[in-house]
Amino acid sequence: MLKIVFIRHGQSAWNDPSRFTGWADIALSPLGKEESALAAVTLKKSKYSFDEVFQSELKRAEDTTKIILIGMKHKRIPVKSDWRLNERHYGNLQGLNKAEIRAKFGEKQFMLWRRGYSVRPPKINKSNSTYKDIYSNPVYKDIKIPLAESLADVVKRVIPFWKEAIIPGLKTGKKILISASGNSLRAIIKYLDKVSAKEIVALNIPTGIPLVYELDKNFKPIRHYYLGNQKKIAAAIEKVKNQGKK
């Protein structure tokens, strides 16, 4: 049996006021740092260790990785960054408050933009506060940066990453941690568990809590579970579900 651990980055400075973040490179909040440190404690107590870490190109995932590896006293472990693990690009919604968008456009449109599988939000324009930092970032110089993405778009970039970068490591028995964002992880989970486009809308992933997938020899999921206090995990999932509500 194989195991792989996923972790959605700790709470960011924009998760707390519930703003659309996307590719905006926002740092962890103080709580996010605490969540990441607690994840390290939880993983260490559960006797997990890693041979390799994959993370997005976003600071919030990078800092989550760093805090976890320091907390677990892991040294000299290869850490590889890949833009394909980035959060979904929320277009011109990036930087805007979710509750205000919900109030302005209504529940149906809000949920389509936030969670609709094939619906893209409005394309980002140069007046958006996050535009300059994203499109001038040298990290992305060799790719065509999207102007907005649906979850279906994220699936198209994440699944090739899974097959090219993760499967080879699993084949050699490597213990892998993936540190990424909510939608990039939802894309992987959709693929692994064969979740329908309709059902994936209801999947909520809490910040800073290790999610373990046990896989068979063909890399198909046997079962999955979060590590930690189950009541607190349930509350954290509910908090993600209710983002954007007053």
C-alpha atoms as a PDB file:
ATOM      1  CA  MET A   1       0.000   0.000   0.000  1.00  0.00           C
ATOM      2  CA  LEU A   2       1.198   3.496  -0.901  1.00  0.00           C
ATOM      3  CA  LYS A   3       0.477   6.724   0.935  1.00  0.00           C
ATOM      4  CA  ILE A   4       0.601  10.338  -0.191  1.00  0.00           C
ATOM      5  CA  VAL A   5      -0.146  13.406   1.921  1.00  0.00           C
ATOM      6  CA  PHE A   6      -1.842  16.552   0.651  1.00  0.00           C
ATOM      7  CA  ILE A   7      -2.049  19.804   2.554  1.00  0.00           C
ATOM      8  CA  ARG A   8      -3.865  22.957   1.622  1.00  0.00           C
ATOM      9  CA  HIS A   9      -1.666  25.860   2.694  1.00  0.00           C
ATOM     10  CA  GLY A  10      -2.365  27.454   6.064  1.00  0.00           C
ATOM     11  CA  GLN A  11      -4.817  30.338   6.224  1.00  0.00           C
ATOM     12  CA  SER A  12      -3.568  33.262   4.135  1.00  0.00           C
ATOM     13  CA  ALA A  13      -3.949  36.949   4.876  1.00  0.00           C
ATOM     14  CA  TRP A  14      -6.814  36.993   2.356  1.00  0.00           C
ATOM     15  CA  ASN A  15      -8.613  33.861   3.589  1.00  0.00           C
ATOM     16  CA  ASP A  16      -9.558  35.606   6.819  1.00  0.00           C
ATOM     17  CA  PRO A  17     -11.351  38.612   5.232  1.00  0.00           C
ATOM     18  CA  SER A  18     -12.644  36.120   2.621  1.00  0.00           C
ATOM     19  CA  ARG A  19     -11.225  37.651  -0.547  1.00  0.00           C
ATOM     20  CA  PHE A  20     -10.787  35.899  -3.872  1.00  0.00           C
ATOM     21  CA  THR A  21      -7.054  35.171  -3.965  1.00  0.00           C
ATOM     22  CA  GLY A  22      -6.236  33.021  -6.974  1.00  0.00           C
ATOM     23  CA  TRP A  23      -2.726  33.677  -8.285  1.00  0.00           C
ATOM     24  CA  ALA A  24      -2.193  36.717  -6.049  1.00  0.00           C
ATOM     25  CA  ASP A  25       0.934  35.928  -4.028  1.00  0.00           C
ATOM     26  CA  ILE A  26      -0.441  36.466  -0.548  1.00  0.00           C
ATOM     27  CA  ALA A  27       1.449  35.433   2.601  1.00  0.00           C
ATOM     28  CA  LEU A  28       0.186  33.305   5.460  1.00  0.00           C
ATOM     29  CA  SER A  29      -1.724  34.983   8.262  1.00  0.00           C
ATOM     30  CA  PRO A  30      -0.506  34.468  11.854  1.00  0.00           C
ATOM     31  CA  LEU A  31      -3.163  31.759  12.171  1.00  0.00           C
ATOM     32  CA  GLY A  32      -1.925  30.179   8.949  1.00  0.00           C
ATOM     33  CA  LYS A  33       1.556  29.896  10.417  1.00  0.00           C
ATOM     34  CA  GLU A  34       0.088  28.283  13.531  1.00  0.00           C
ATOM     35  CA  GLU A  35      -1.914  25.835  11.401  1.00  0.00           C
ATOM     36  CA  SER A  36       1.214  24.848   9.496  1.00  0.00           C
ATOM     37  CA  ALA A  37       3.192  24.352  12.707  1.00  0.00           C
ATOM     38  CA  LEU A  38       0.384  22.212  14.126  1.00  0.00           C
ATOM     39  CA  ALA A  39       0.347  20.157  10.916  1.00  0.00           C
ATOM     40  CA  ALA A  40       4.037  19.428  11.465  1.00  0.00           C
ATOM     41  CA  VAL A  41       3.333  18.261  15.024  1.00  0.00           C
ATOM     42  CA  THR A  42       0.443  16.089  13.845  1.00  0.00           C
ATOM     43  CA  LEU A  43       2.491  14.477  11.076  1.00  0.00           C
ATOM     44  CA  LYS A  44       5.436  13.841  13.386  1.00  0.00           C
ATOM     45  CA  LYS A  45       3.219  12.294  16.096  1.00  0.00           C
ATOM     46  CA  SER A  46       1.643  10.078  13.463  1.00  0.00           C
ATOM     47  CA  LYS A  47       5.162   8.960  12.432  1.00  0.00           C
ATOM     48  CA  TYR A  48       5.080  10.384   8.923  1.00  0.00           C
ATOM     49  CA  SER A  49       8.227  11.329   7.049  1.00  0.00           C
ATOM     50  CA  PHE A  50       8.861  12.468   3.488  1.00  0.00           C
ATOM     51  CA  ASP A  51      11.400  11.921   0.744  1.00  0.00           C
ATOM     52  CA  GLU A  52      10.151  14.675  -1.546  1.00  0.00           C
ATOM     53  CA  VAL A  53       7.831  17.681  -1.487  1.00  0.00           C
ATOM     54  CA  PHE A  54       5.959  19.324  -4.341  1.00  0.00           C
ATOM     55  CA  GLN A  55       4.451  22.789  -3.921  1.00  0.00           C
ATOM     56  CA  SER A  56       2.875  25.558  -5.945  1.00  0.00           C
ATOM     57  CA  GLU A  57       4.717  28.718  -6.940  1.00  0.00           C
ATOM     58  CA  LEU A  58       2.726  30.735  -4.403  1.00  0.00           C
ATOM     59  CA  LYS A  59       4.269  32.047  -1.202  1.00  0.00           C
ATOM     60  CA  ARG A  60       1.492  30.730   1.017  1.00  0.00           C
ATOM     61  CA  ALA A  61       2.205  27.154  -0.070  1.00  0.00           C
ATOM     62  CA  GLU A  62       5.973  27.652   0.042  1.00  0.00           C
ATOM     63  CA  ASP A  63       5.827  28.992   3.606  1.00  0.00           C
ATOM     64  CA  THR A  64       3.517  26.163   4.665  1.00  0.00           C
ATOM     65  CA  THR A  65       6.055  23.679   3.323  1.00  0.00           C
ATOM     66  CA  LYS A  66       8.942  25.432   5.081  1.00  0.00           C
ATOM     67  CA  ILE A  67       7.179  25.522   8.454  1.00  0.00           C
ATOM     68  CA  ILE A  68       6.186  21.846   8.201  1.00  0.00           C
ATOM     69  CA  LEU A  69       9.673  20.650   7.260  1.00  0.00           C
ATOM     70  CA  ILE A  70      11.293  22.689  10.038  1.00  0.00           C
ATOM     71  CA  GLY A  71       8.737  21.404  12.539  1.00  0.00           C
ATOM     72  CA  MET A  72       9.349  17.811  11.464  1.00  0.00           C
ATOM     73  CA  LYS A  73      13.121  18.392  11.571  1.00  0.00           C
ATOM     74  CA  HIS A  74      13.451  17.292   7.957  1.00  0.00           C
ATOM     75  CA  LYS A  75      16.690  18.410   6.331  1.00  0.00           C
ATOM     76  CA  ARG A  76      17.899  18.329   2.731  1.00  0.00           C
ATOM     77  CA  ILE A  77      14.634  17.037   1.333  1.00  0.00           C
ATOM     78  CA  PRO A  78      14.077  17.945  -2.336  1.00  0.00           C
ATOM     79  CA  VAL A  79      11.346  20.583  -2.648  1.00  0.00           C
ATOM     80  CA  LYS A  80      10.050  21.211  -6.148  1.00  0.00           C
ATOM     81  CA  SER A  81       7.804  24.109  -7.138  1.00  0.00           C
ATOM     82  CA  ASP A  82       5.402  23.864 -10.071  1.00  0.00           C
ATOM     83  CA  TRP A  83       2.945  26.478 -11.323  1.00  0.00           C
ATOM     84  CA  ARG A  84       0.491  23.727 -12.201  1.00  0.00           C
ATOM     85  CA  LEU A  85      -0.218  23.380  -8.469  1.00  0.00           C
ATOM     86  CA  ASN A  86      -1.229  27.055  -8.255  1.00  0.00           C
ATOM     87  CA  GLU A  87      -4.686  28.019  -7.098  1.00  0.00           C
ATOM     88  CA  ARG A  88      -7.397  28.530  -9.685  1.00  0.00           C
ATOM     89  CA  HIS A  89      -7.041  31.919 -11.407  1.00  0.00           C
ATOM     90  CA  TYR A  90     -10.100  33.909 -10.338  1.00  0.00           C
ATOM     91  CA  GLY A  91      -9.712  36.549 -13.026  1.00  0.00           C
ATOM     92  CA  ASN A  92     -11.043  40.000 -12.244  1.00  0.00           C
ATOM     93  CA  LEU A  93     -12.564  38.765  -8.974  1.00  0.00           C
ATOM     94  CA  GLN A  94      -9.088  38.507  -7.458  1.00  0.00           C
ATOM     95  CA  GLY A  95      -8.696  40.838  -4.514  1.00  0.00           C
ATOM     96  CA  LEU A  96     -12.444  41.344  -4.111  1.00  0.00           C
ATOM     97  CA  ASN A  97     -14.445  40.441  -1.015  1.00  0.00           C
ATOM     98  CA  LYS A  98     -16.585  37.327  -1.456  1.00  0.00           C
ATOM     99  CA  ALA A  99     -19.494  38.591   0.654  1.00  0.00           C
ATOM    100  CA  GLU A 100     -19.661  41.792  -1.404  1.00  0.00           C
ATOM    101  CA  ILE A 101     -19.638  39.837  -4.671  1.00  0.00           C
ATOM    102  CA  ARG A 102     -22.369  37.571  -3.324  1.00  0.00           C
ATOM    103  CA  ALA A 103     -24.511  40.559  -2.327  1.00  0.00           C
ATOM    104  CA  LYS A 104     -23.962  42.372  -5.626  1.00  0.00           C
ATOM    105  CA  PHE A 105     -24.507  39.497  -8.077  1.00  0.00           C
ATOM    106  CA  GLY A 106     -26.664  37.081  -6.073  1.00  0.00           C
ATOM    107  CA  GLU A 107     -26.159  33.600  -4.670  1.00  0.00           C
ATOM    108  CA  LYS A 108     -26.448  31.717  -7.958  1.00  0.00           C
ATOM    109  CA  GLN A 109     -23.884  33.767  -9.875  1.00  0.00           C
ATOM    110  CA  PHE A 110     -21.560  33.895  -6.869  1.00  0.00           C
ATOM    111  CA  MET A 111     -21.518  30.101  -6.564  1.00  0.00           C
ATOM    112  CA  LEU A 112     -21.048  29.657 -10.309  1.00  0.00           C
ATOM    113  CA  TRP A 113     -17.986  31.895 -10.207  1.00  0.00           C
ATOM    114  CA  ARG A 114     -16.685  30.427  -6.966  1.00  0.00           C
ATOM    115  CA  ARG A 115     -17.381  26.746  -7.560  1.00  0.00           C
ATOM    116  CA  GLY A 116     -18.914  26.186 -10.984  1.00  0.00           C
ATOM    117  CA  TYR A 117     -16.940  23.402 -12.649  1.00  0.00           C
ATOM    118  CA  SER A 118     -16.819  24.813 -16.176  1.00  0.00           C
ATOM    119  CA  VAL A 119     -17.660  28.482 -15.487  1.00  0.00           C
ATOM    120  CA  ARG A 120     -14.852  31.016 -15.648  1.00  0.00           C
ATOM    121  CA  PRO A 121     -15.099  34.305 -13.751  1.00  0.00           C
ATOM    122  CA  PRO A 122     -14.650  37.575 -15.670  1.00  0.00           C
ATOM    123  CA  LYS A 123     -11.179  37.865 -17.230  1.00  0.00           C
ATOM    124  CA  ILE A 124      -8.663  39.899 -15.289  1.00  0.00           C
ATOM    125  CA  ASN A 125      -7.817  43.327 -16.650  1.00  0.00           C
ATOM    126  CA  LYS A 126      -4.846  45.612 -16.072  1.00  0.00           C
ATOM    127  CA  SER A 127      -6.712  47.759 -13.552  1.00  0.00           C
ATOM    128  CA  ASN A 128      -7.056  44.806 -11.161  1.00  0.00           C
ATOM    129  CA  SER A 129      -4.846  45.245  -8.087  1.00  0.00           C
ATOM    130  CA  THR A 130      -3.266  41.802  -8.559  1.00  0.00           C
ATOM    131  CA  TYR A 131      -2.520  42.095 -12.288  1.00  0.00           C
ATOM    132  CA  LYS A 132       0.938  43.676 -12.271  1.00  0.00           C
ATOM    133  CA  ASP A 133       2.537  41.340  -9.739  1.00  0.00           C
ATOM    134  CA  ILE A 134       1.273  38.230 -11.525  1.00  0.00           C
ATOM    135  CA  TYR A 135       2.017  39.138 -15.137  1.00  0.00           C
ATOM    136  CA  SER A 136       5.451  40.612 -14.407  1.00  0.00           C
ATOM    137  CA  ASN A 137       6.544  37.658 -12.267  1.00  0.00           C
ATOM    138  CA  PRO A 138       9.623  36.040 -13.892  1.00  0.00           C
ATOM    139  CA  VAL A 139       8.575  32.656 -12.464  1.00  0.00           C
ATOM    140  CA  TYR A 140       5.892  32.509 -15.175  1.00  0.00           C
ATOM    141  CA  LYS A 141       7.996  33.790 -18.072  1.00  0.00           C
ATOM    142  CA  ASP A 142       7.838  30.485 -19.958  1.00  0.00           C
ATOM    143  CA  ILE A 143       4.087  29.913 -19.719  1.00  0.00           C
ATOM    144  CA  LYS A 144       0.985  31.582 -21.027  1.00  0.00           C
ATOM    145  CA  ILE A 145      -0.646  32.881 -17.858  1.00  0.00           C
ATOM    146  CA  PRO A 146      -4.430  32.473 -17.953  1.00  0.00           C
ATOM    147  CA  LEU A 147      -6.723  35.486 -17.637  1.00  0.00           C
ATOM    148  CA  ALA A 148      -9.270  33.435 -15.659  1.00  0.00           C
ATOM    149  CA  GLU A 149      -9.875  29.744 -14.979  1.00  0.00           C
ATOM    150  CA  SER A 150     -12.679  27.333 -14.221  1.00  0.00           C
ATOM    151  CA  LEU A 151     -12.040  24.225 -12.126  1.00  0.00           C
ATOM    152  CA  ALA A 152     -12.127  22.273 -15.403  1.00  0.00           C
ATOM    153  CA  ASP A 153      -9.139  24.354 -16.554  1.00  0.00           C
ATOM    154  CA  VAL A 154      -7.291  23.527 -13.327  1.00  0.00           C
ATOM    155  CA  VAL A 155      -7.953  19.814 -13.860  1.00  0.00           C
ATOM    156  CA  LYS A 156      -6.383  20.064 -17.329  1.00  0.00           C
ATOM    157  CA  ARG A 157      -3.106  21.369 -15.895  1.00  0.00           C
ATOM    158  CA  VAL A 158      -2.986  19.403 -12.650  1.00  0.00           C
ATOM    159  CA  ILE A 159      -3.580  15.875 -13.970  1.00  0.00           C
ATOM    160  CA  PRO A 160      -0.588  15.954 -16.375  1.00  0.00           C
ATOM    161  CA  PHE A 161       1.483  17.149 -13.398  1.00  0.00           C
ATOM    162  CA  TRP A 162       0.222  14.192 -11.338  1.00  0.00           C
ATOM    163  CA  LYS A 163       1.137  11.715 -14.059  1.00  0.00           C
ATOM    164  CA  GLU A 164       4.515  13.271 -14.930  1.00  0.00           C
ATOM    165  CA  ALA A 165       5.811  14.273 -11.494  1.00  0.00           C
ATOM    166  CA  ILE A 166       4.032  12.213  -8.832  1.00  0.00           C
ATOM    167  CA  ILE A 167       3.454   8.752 -10.298  1.00  0.00           C
ATOM    168  CA  PRO A 168       7.180   8.145 -11.052  1.00  0.00           C
ATOM    169  CA  GLY A 169       8.044   8.935  -7.423  1.00  0.00           C
ATOM    170  CA  LEU A 170       5.317   6.693  -6.076  1.00  0.00           C
ATOM    171  CA  LYS A 171       6.556   3.881  -8.328  1.00  0.00           C
ATOM    172  CA  THR A 172       9.939   4.005  -6.602  1.00  0.00           C
ATOM    173  CA  GLY A 173       8.357   4.051  -3.149  1.00  0.00           C
ATOM    174  CA  LYS A 174       8.966   7.704  -2.330  1.00  0.00           C
ATOM    175  CA  LYS A 175       6.949   9.268   0.472  1.00  0.00           C
ATOM    176  CA  ILE A 176       5.536  12.472  -0.979  1.00  0.00           C
ATOM    177  CA  LEU A 177       3.923  15.616   0.416  1.00  0.00           C
ATOM    178  CA  ILE A 178       2.002  17.979  -1.874  1.00  0.00           C
ATOM    179  CA  SER A 179       1.552  21.518  -0.536  1.00  0.00           C
ATOM    180  CA  ALA A 180      -0.910  23.430  -2.678  1.00  0.00           C
ATOM    181  CA  SER A 181      -4.207  25.325  -2.788  1.00  0.00           C
ATOM    182  CA  GLY A 182      -7.836  24.374  -2.412  1.00  0.00           C
ATOM    183  CA  ASN A 183      -8.731  24.100  -6.088  1.00  0.00           C
ATOM    184  CA  SER A 184      -5.551  22.395  -7.283  1.00  0.00           C
ATOM    185  CA  LEU A 185      -6.094  19.761  -4.594  1.00  0.00           C
ATOM    186  CA  ARG A 186      -9.784  19.473  -5.491  1.00  0.00           C
ATOM    187  CA  ALA A 187      -8.694  18.802  -9.076  1.00  0.00           C
ATOM    188  CA  ILE A 188      -6.437  15.927  -7.966  1.00  0.00           C
ATOM    189  CA  ILE A 189      -9.148  14.517  -5.695  1.00  0.00           C
ATOM    190  CA  LYS A 190     -11.697  14.707  -8.501  1.00  0.00           C
ATOM    191  CA  TYR A 191      -9.364  12.660 -10.667  1.00  0.00           C
ATOM    192  CA  LEU A 192      -8.425  10.089  -8.000  1.00  0.00           C
ATOM    193  CA  ASP A 193     -11.929   9.515  -6.635  1.00  0.00           C
ATOM    194  CA  LYS A 194     -13.689   9.991  -9.981  1.00  0.00           C
ATOM    195  CA  VAL A 195     -15.898  12.689  -8.479  1.00  0.00           C
ATOM    196  CA  SER A 196     -18.477  14.057 -10.908  1.00  0.00           C
ATOM    197  CA  ALA A 197     -18.456  17.690 -12.027  1.00  0.00           C
ATOM    198  CA  LYS A 198     -21.724  18.136 -10.116  1.00  0.00           C
ATOM    199  CA  GLU A 199     -20.453  16.614  -6.870  1.00  0.00           C
ATOM    200  CA  ILE A 200     -17.045  18.329  -6.786  1.00  0.00           C
ATOM    201  CA  VAL A 201     -18.832  21.640  -6.181  1.00  0.00           C
ATOM    202  CA  ALA A 202     -19.643  20.490  -2.637  1.00  0.00           C
ATOM    203  CA  LEU A 203     -16.098  19.411  -1.707  1.00  0.00           C
ATOM    204  CA  ASN A 204     -14.490  21.728   0.855  1.00  0.00           C
ATOM    205  CA  ILE A 205     -10.848  21.378   1.898  1.00  0.00           C
ATOM    206  CA  PRO A 206      -9.765  23.039   5.165  1.00  0.00           C
ATOM    207  CA  THR A 207      -6.516  24.970   5.482  1.00  0.00           C
ATOM    208  CA  GLY A 208      -3.464  23.519   7.190  1.00  0.00           C
ATOM    209  CA  ILE A 209      -4.775  20.001   7.878  1.00  0.00           C
ATOM    210  CA  PRO A 210      -2.934  16.956   6.451  1.00  0.00           C
ATOM    211  CA  LEU A 211      -5.053  14.809   4.138  1.00  0.00           C
ATOM    212  CA  VAL A 212      -3.784  11.256   3.643  1.00  0.00           C
ATOM    213  CA  TYR A 213      -4.614   9.131   0.602  1.00  0.00           C
ATOM    214  CA  GLU A 214      -3.866   5.419   0.673  1.00  0.00           C
ATOM    215  CA  LEU A 215      -3.359   4.009  -2.827  1.00  0.00           C
ATOM    216  CA  ASP A 216      -3.119   0.511  -4.243  1.00  0.00           C
ATOM    217  CA  LYS A 217      -0.322  -0.718  -6.528  1.00  0.00           C
ATOM    218  CA  ASN A 218      -2.129   0.819  -9.506  1.00  0.00           C
ATOM    219  CA  PHE A 219      -2.284   4.210  -7.739  1.00  0.00           C
ATOM    220  CA  LYS A 220      -6.021   3.957  -7.226  1.00  0.00           C
ATOM    221  CA  PRO A 221      -7.406   5.238  -3.898  1.00  0.00           C
ATOM    222  CA  ILE A 222      -8.246   2.740  -1.180  1.00  0.00           C
ATOM    223  CA  ARG A 223      -9.339   5.294   1.399  1.00  0.00           C
ATOM    224  CA  HIS A 224      -8.526   8.813   2.599  1.00  0.00           C
ATOM    225  CA  TYR A 225      -8.691  10.706   5.882  1.00  0.00           C
ATOM    226  CA  TYR A 226      -7.606  13.874   7.628  1.00  0.00           C
ATOM    227  CA  LEU A 227      -5.115  13.695  10.491  1.00  0.00           C
ATOM    228  CA  GLY A 228      -6.041  15.437  13.736  1.00  0.00           C
ATOM    229  CA  ASN A 229      -9.003  16.185  15.957  1.00  0.00           C
ATOM    230  CA  GLN A 230     -12.069  15.204  13.935  1.00  0.00           C
ATOM    231  CA  LYS A 231     -14.421  17.753  15.553  1.00  0.00           C
ATOM    232  CA  LYS A 232     -12.009  20.578  14.774  1.00  0.00           C
ATOM    233  CA  ILE A 233     -11.579  19.271  11.248  1.00  0.00           C
ATOM    234  CA  ALA A 234     -15.357  19.229  10.712  1.00  0.00           C
ATOM    235  CA  ALA A 235     -15.573  22.811  11.963  1.00  0.00           C
ATOM    236  CA  ALA A 236     -12.751  23.876   9.649  1.00  0.00           C
ATOM    237  CA  ILE A 237     -14.498  22.290   6.658  1.00  0.00           C
ATOM    238  CA  GLU A 238     -17.719  24.103   7.560  1.00  0.00           C
ATOM    239  CA  LYS A 239     -15.803  27.385   7.769  1.00  0.00           C
ATOM    240  CA  VAL A 240     -14.549  26.945   4.195  1.00  0.00           C
ATOM    241  CA  LYS A 241     -18.062  26.063   3.037  1.00  0.00           C
ATOM    242  CA  ASN A 242     -19.465  29.294   4.476  1.00  0.00           C
ATOM    243  CA  GLN A 243     -16.899  31.697   3.007  1.00  0.00           C
ATOM    244  CA  GLY A 244     -18.624  34.686   1.498  1.00  0.00           C
ATOM    245  CA  LYS A 245     -21.581  34.608   3.866  1.00  0.00           C
ATOM    246  CA  LYS A 246     -22.159  37.540   6.155  1.00  0.00           C
END
